[in-house]
Amino acid sequence: MQNRSFITDDEIDKALDYLRDNARDAAQAKADRIYVEEYRKVVKAQIMKENGQLSGMLQEREAYSDPRYVQHLEAIREAVRLDEGHRFLRAAADAKIEAWRTQSSNERARV
């Protein structure tokens, strides 16, 4: 008799399907996140350049308070949300597969 807490082969198939089917989207989310995080420096530099008549500290203050910089931070937040969402779902699928491996190994040991 099978215990209800066991992970089924069907659940493992779904986890493997998820990993395979979402690999490209997860990679794109990671690439987008890295891009927007790095592009933040470009946005800051461009705004600081526009305020070249000010001291470096005041240029930085103007850059950080500029609506374009704030808007870019919102883009970073969205990119991180998507990337982390993929990461957590991949980790959950990986954990399920690992638990299934342990479960299968334990079953073989009992036989």
N, C-alpha and C. Protein backbone atom coordinates (compact mmCIF):
# COMPACT_ATOMS: atom_id res chain seq x y z
N MET A 1 0.84 -1.17 0.00
CA MET A 1 0.00 0.00 0.00
C MET A 1 0.89 1.25 0.00
N GLN A 2 0.59 2.18 -0.89
CA GLN A 2 1.41 3.38 -1.03
C GLN A 2 0.94 4.45 -0.05
N ASN A 3 1.89 5.06 0.62
CA ASN A 3 1.61 6.16 1.54
C ASN A 3 1.23 7.39 0.74
N ARG A 4 0.24 8.14 1.18
CA ARG A 4 -0.24 9.32 0.45
C ARG A 4 0.80 10.45 0.42
N SER A 5 1.77 10.43 1.30
CA SER A 5 2.76 11.50 1.31
C SER A 5 3.87 11.26 0.28
N PHE A 6 3.83 10.13 -0.39
CA PHE A 6 4.84 9.86 -1.40
C PHE A 6 4.64 10.76 -2.61
N ILE A 7 5.75 11.09 -3.23
CA ILE A 7 5.72 11.88 -4.45
C ILE A 7 5.54 10.90 -5.60
N THR A 8 4.57 11.18 -6.44
CA THR A 8 4.25 10.26 -7.54
C THR A 8 5.14 10.54 -8.75
N ASP A 9 5.22 9.55 -9.62
CA ASP A 9 5.96 9.71 -10.87
C ASP A 9 5.35 10.84 -11.70
N ASP A 10 4.02 10.97 -11.64
CA ASP A 10 3.34 12.04 -12.39
C ASP A 10 3.79 13.41 -11.89
N GLU A 11 3.93 13.55 -10.57
CA GLU A 11 4.40 14.83 -10.01
C GLU A 11 5.82 15.13 -10.47
N ILE A 12 6.64 14.11 -10.54
CA ILE A 12 8.02 14.29 -11.00
C ILE A 12 8.04 14.67 -12.48
N ASP A 13 7.19 14.02 -13.26
CA ASP A 13 7.10 14.38 -14.68
C ASP A 13 6.72 15.85 -14.84
N LYS A 14 5.79 16.30 -14.02
CA LYS A 14 5.37 17.71 -14.09
C LYS A 14 6.51 18.64 -13.68
N ALA A 15 7.26 18.26 -12.67
CA ALA A 15 8.39 19.08 -12.23
C ALA A 15 9.45 19.15 -13.33
N LEU A 16 9.75 18.01 -13.94
CA LEU A 16 10.72 17.99 -15.04
C LEU A 16 10.23 18.79 -16.24
N ASP A 17 8.93 18.65 -16.54
CA ASP A 17 8.35 19.43 -17.63
C ASP A 17 8.48 20.92 -17.35
N TYR A 18 8.20 21.32 -16.10
CA TYR A 18 8.31 22.72 -15.74
C TYR A 18 9.74 23.22 -15.97
N LEU A 19 10.72 22.47 -15.49
CA LEU A 19 12.12 22.88 -15.64
C LEU A 19 12.49 23.03 -17.12
N ARG A 20 12.07 22.05 -17.92
CA ARG A 20 12.37 22.08 -19.35
C ARG A 20 11.63 23.22 -20.06
N ASP A 21 10.34 23.33 -19.80
CA ASP A 21 9.50 24.28 -20.52
C ASP A 21 9.76 25.73 -20.14
N ASN A 22 10.32 25.97 -18.99
CA ASN A 22 10.52 27.34 -18.52
C ASN A 22 11.97 27.78 -18.51
N ALA A 23 12.85 26.96 -19.01
CA ALA A 23 14.28 27.29 -18.97
C ALA A 23 14.59 28.58 -19.74
N ARG A 24 14.04 28.73 -20.92
CA ARG A 24 14.32 29.93 -21.72
C ARG A 24 13.75 31.18 -21.06
N ASP A 25 12.52 31.09 -20.56
CA ASP A 25 11.92 32.25 -19.88
C ASP A 25 12.72 32.62 -18.63
N ALA A 26 13.17 31.62 -17.90
CA ALA A 26 13.97 31.88 -16.70
C ALA A 26 15.30 32.53 -17.09
N ALA A 27 15.91 32.05 -18.15
CA ALA A 27 17.18 32.64 -18.60
C ALA A 27 16.97 34.08 -19.06
N GLN A 28 15.87 34.33 -19.75
CA GLN A 28 15.58 35.69 -20.21
C GLN A 28 15.32 36.61 -19.03
N ALA A 29 14.61 36.12 -18.02
CA ALA A 29 14.35 36.93 -16.82
C ALA A 29 15.66 37.28 -16.12
N LYS A 30 16.58 36.33 -16.05
CA LYS A 30 17.89 36.58 -15.44
C LYS A 30 18.68 37.61 -16.25
N ALA A 31 18.67 37.46 -17.57
CA ALA A 31 19.38 38.40 -18.43
C ALA A 31 18.79 39.80 -18.30
N ASP A 32 17.47 39.90 -18.28
CA ASP A 32 16.81 41.19 -18.13
C ASP A 32 17.16 41.84 -16.80
N ARG A 33 17.19 41.04 -15.76
CA ARG A 33 17.53 41.56 -14.44
C ARG A 33 18.95 42.13 -14.43
N ILE A 34 19.89 41.38 -14.95
CA ILE A 34 21.28 41.86 -14.98
C ILE A 34 21.38 43.14 -15.81
N TYR A 35 20.69 43.16 -16.94
CA TYR A 35 20.74 44.34 -17.81
C TYR A 35 20.21 45.58 -17.09
N VAL A 36 19.03 45.49 -16.50
CA VAL A 36 18.46 46.69 -15.86
C VAL A 36 19.26 47.10 -14.64
N GLU A 37 19.84 46.13 -13.94
CA GLU A 37 20.67 46.49 -12.79
C GLU A 37 21.92 47.25 -13.25
N GLU A 38 22.51 46.84 -14.33
CA GLU A 38 23.69 47.51 -14.85
C GLU A 38 23.32 48.83 -15.53
N TYR A 39 22.20 48.85 -16.21
CA TYR A 39 21.78 50.06 -16.93
C TYR A 39 21.47 51.21 -15.96
N ARG A 40 21.20 50.88 -14.73
CA ARG A 40 20.97 51.90 -13.70
C ARG A 40 22.14 52.86 -13.66
N LYS A 41 23.34 52.36 -13.82
CA LYS A 41 24.54 53.20 -13.80
C LYS A 41 24.54 54.19 -14.97
N VAL A 42 24.05 53.73 -16.13
CA VAL A 42 23.98 54.60 -17.30
C VAL A 42 22.98 55.72 -17.06
N VAL A 43 21.82 55.37 -16.53
CA VAL A 43 20.80 56.38 -16.24
C VAL A 43 21.36 57.43 -15.28
N LYS A 44 22.00 56.96 -14.23
CA LYS A 44 22.58 57.88 -13.24
C LYS A 44 23.64 58.77 -13.90
N ALA A 45 24.52 58.20 -14.69
CA ALA A 45 25.59 58.97 -15.33
C ALA A 45 25.02 60.02 -16.29
N GLN A 46 24.00 59.65 -17.04
CA GLN A 46 23.41 60.60 -17.99
C GLN A 46 22.79 61.78 -17.25
N ILE A 47 22.09 61.50 -16.17
CA ILE A 47 21.46 62.58 -15.40
C ILE A 47 22.52 63.45 -14.74
N MET A 48 23.56 62.82 -14.20
CA MET A 48 24.64 63.59 -13.60
C MET A 48 25.30 64.49 -14.64
N LYS A 49 25.49 63.98 -15.84
CA LYS A 49 26.11 64.76 -16.91
C LYS A 49 25.27 65.99 -17.25
N GLU A 50 23.95 65.82 -17.21
CA GLU A 50 23.05 66.96 -17.47
C GLU A 50 23.21 68.05 -16.42
N ASN A 51 23.70 67.68 -15.25
CA ASN A 51 23.88 68.63 -14.15
C ASN A 51 25.36 68.89 -13.91
N GLY A 52 26.13 68.92 -14.98
CA GLY A 52 27.58 69.06 -14.91
C GLY A 52 28.06 70.33 -14.23
N GLN A 53 27.22 71.34 -14.16
CA GLN A 53 27.61 72.59 -13.51
C GLN A 53 27.62 72.47 -11.99
N LEU A 54 27.06 71.40 -11.46
CA LEU A 54 27.00 71.19 -10.01
C LEU A 54 28.19 70.35 -9.55
N SER A 55 28.42 70.35 -8.26
CA SER A 55 29.47 69.49 -7.69
C SER A 55 29.04 68.04 -7.84
N GLY A 56 29.99 67.13 -7.72
CA GLY A 56 29.69 65.70 -7.86
C GLY A 56 28.61 65.24 -6.90
N MET A 57 28.66 65.71 -5.66
CA MET A 57 27.67 65.30 -4.68
C MET A 57 26.27 65.79 -5.07
N LEU A 58 26.20 67.03 -5.55
CA LEU A 58 24.90 67.56 -5.96
C LEU A 58 24.41 66.89 -7.24
N GLN A 59 25.33 66.56 -8.14
CA GLN A 59 24.95 65.82 -9.34
C GLN A 59 24.31 64.48 -8.95
N GLU A 60 24.93 63.81 -8.01
CA GLU A 60 24.41 62.52 -7.55
C GLU A 60 23.04 62.68 -6.91
N ARG A 61 22.88 63.70 -6.09
CA ARG A 61 21.57 63.96 -5.47
C ARG A 61 20.50 64.18 -6.53
N GLU A 62 20.84 64.97 -7.54
CA GLU A 62 19.88 65.24 -8.62
C GLU A 62 19.54 63.96 -9.38
N ALA A 63 20.55 63.14 -9.61
CA ALA A 63 20.32 61.88 -10.33
C ALA A 63 19.38 60.97 -9.56
N TYR A 64 19.65 60.79 -8.27
CA TYR A 64 18.83 59.89 -7.46
C TYR A 64 17.40 60.38 -7.30
N SER A 65 17.18 61.66 -7.40
CA SER A 65 15.82 62.18 -7.22
C SER A 65 15.10 62.41 -8.55
N ASP A 66 15.78 62.19 -9.64
CA ASP A 66 15.19 62.41 -10.96
C ASP A 66 14.12 61.35 -11.25
N PRO A 67 12.99 61.76 -11.82
CA PRO A 67 11.91 60.79 -12.13
C PRO A 67 12.36 59.65 -13.05
N ARG A 68 13.31 59.91 -13.93
CA ARG A 68 13.80 58.85 -14.82
C ARG A 68 14.53 57.77 -14.03
N TYR A 69 15.27 58.19 -13.02
CA TYR A 69 15.99 57.23 -12.17
C TYR A 69 14.99 56.43 -11.35
N VAL A 70 14.02 57.11 -10.79
CA VAL A 70 12.99 56.44 -9.98
C VAL A 70 12.21 55.46 -10.85
N GLN A 71 11.90 55.86 -12.07
CA GLN A 71 11.19 54.97 -12.99
C GLN A 71 12.05 53.74 -13.31
N HIS A 72 13.34 53.96 -13.45
CA HIS A 72 14.22 52.82 -13.73
C HIS A 72 14.28 51.88 -12.53
N LEU A 73 14.25 52.42 -11.33
CA LEU A 73 14.22 51.56 -10.14
C LEU A 73 12.97 50.67 -10.15
N GLU A 74 11.87 51.19 -10.64
CA GLU A 74 10.65 50.38 -10.76
C GLU A 74 10.85 49.25 -11.77
N ALA A 75 11.58 49.53 -12.84
CA ALA A 75 11.89 48.49 -13.82
C ALA A 75 12.78 47.42 -13.19
N ILE A 76 13.72 47.85 -12.35
CA ILE A 76 14.58 46.89 -11.65
C ILE A 76 13.74 46.03 -10.73
N ARG A 77 12.82 46.65 -10.01
CA ARG A 77 11.97 45.87 -9.10
C ARG A 77 11.20 44.80 -9.86
N GLU A 78 10.65 45.14 -11.01
CA GLU A 78 9.89 44.18 -11.81
C GLU A 78 10.80 43.07 -12.34
N ALA A 79 11.99 43.42 -12.79
CA ALA A 79 12.92 42.41 -13.29
C ALA A 79 13.34 41.45 -12.18
N VAL A 80 13.58 41.98 -11.00
CA VAL A 80 13.95 41.13 -9.86
C VAL A 80 12.79 40.23 -9.49
N ARG A 81 11.57 40.78 -9.50
CA ARG A 81 10.38 39.97 -9.17
C ARG A 81 10.25 38.78 -10.12
N LEU A 82 10.41 39.04 -11.40
CA LEU A 82 10.29 37.95 -12.38
C LEU A 82 11.42 36.93 -12.23
N ASP A 83 12.64 37.41 -12.08
CA ASP A 83 13.78 36.51 -11.94
C ASP A 83 13.67 35.67 -10.67
N GLU A 84 13.35 36.30 -9.57
CA GLU A 84 13.23 35.56 -8.31
C GLU A 84 12.05 34.59 -8.36
N GLY A 85 10.97 34.96 -9.02
CA GLY A 85 9.84 34.04 -9.17
C GLY A 85 10.27 32.77 -9.88
N HIS A 86 11.01 32.93 -10.98
CA HIS A 86 11.53 31.75 -11.69
C HIS A 86 12.48 30.96 -10.80
N ARG A 87 13.33 31.66 -10.08
CA ARG A 87 14.31 30.97 -9.22
C ARG A 87 13.62 30.14 -8.14
N PHE A 88 12.60 30.71 -7.50
CA PHE A 88 11.90 29.98 -6.45
C PHE A 88 11.15 28.77 -7.01
N LEU A 89 10.53 28.93 -8.19
CA LEU A 89 9.82 27.80 -8.79
C LEU A 89 10.79 26.70 -9.23
N ARG A 90 11.95 27.09 -9.76
CA ARG A 90 12.97 26.10 -10.11
C ARG A 90 13.45 25.36 -8.87
N ALA A 91 13.67 26.11 -7.79
CA ALA A 91 14.14 25.49 -6.55
C ALA A 91 13.09 24.52 -6.01
N ALA A 92 11.82 24.88 -6.12
CA ALA A 92 10.75 23.98 -5.65
C ALA A 92 10.72 22.71 -6.49
N ALA A 93 10.86 22.84 -7.80
CA ALA A 93 10.88 21.65 -8.67
C ALA A 93 12.11 20.79 -8.37
N ASP A 94 13.25 21.43 -8.19
CA ASP A 94 14.47 20.69 -7.85
C ASP A 94 14.32 19.96 -6.51
N ALA A 95 13.72 20.62 -5.53
CA ALA A 95 13.54 20.00 -4.21
C ALA A 95 12.60 18.80 -4.31
N LYS A 96 11.55 18.93 -5.10
CA LYS A 96 10.62 17.81 -5.27
C LYS A 96 11.33 16.62 -5.92
N ILE A 97 12.13 16.90 -6.93
CA ILE A 97 12.86 15.83 -7.62
C ILE A 97 13.85 15.17 -6.65
N GLU A 98 14.54 15.95 -5.86
CA GLU A 98 15.50 15.40 -4.90
C GLU A 98 14.79 14.57 -3.84
N ALA A 99 13.64 15.04 -3.37
CA ALA A 99 12.86 14.26 -2.39
C ALA A 99 12.40 12.95 -3.02
N TRP A 100 12.00 12.99 -4.28
CA TRP A 100 11.57 11.78 -4.98
C TRP A 100 12.74 10.80 -5.10
N ARG A 101 13.93 11.32 -5.40
CA ARG A 101 15.11 10.45 -5.50
C ARG A 101 15.36 9.74 -4.16
N THR A 102 15.30 10.51 -3.09
CA THR A 102 15.50 9.93 -1.75
C THR A 102 14.42 8.90 -1.45
N GLN A 103 13.20 9.25 -1.76
CA GLN A 103 12.08 8.33 -1.54
C GLN A 103 12.28 7.05 -2.34
N SER A 104 12.68 7.18 -3.60
CA SER A 104 12.89 6.01 -4.45
C SER A 104 14.03 5.15 -3.92
N SER A 105 15.09 5.79 -3.48
CA SER A 105 16.24 5.08 -2.92
C SER A 105 15.83 4.32 -1.67
N ASN A 106 15.05 4.96 -0.82
CA ASN A 106 14.59 4.30 0.40
C ASN A 106 13.68 3.10 0.09
N GLU A 107 12.84 3.25 -0.91
CA GLU A 107 11.98 2.13 -1.32
C GLU A 107 12.80 0.97 -1.83
N ARG A 108 13.84 1.26 -2.63
CA ARG A 108 14.69 0.18 -3.15
C ARG A 108 15.43 -0.52 -2.02
N ALA A 109 15.82 0.25 -1.04
CA ALA A 109 16.56 -0.33 0.10
C ALA A 109 15.69 -1.27 0.91
N ARG A 110 14.39 -1.03 0.94
CA ARG A 110 13.47 -1.87 1.69
C ARG A 110 13.18 -3.18 0.99
N VAL A 111 13.41 -3.21 -0.30
CA VAL A 111 13.07 -4.41 -1.09
C VAL A 111 14.10 -5.49 -0.95
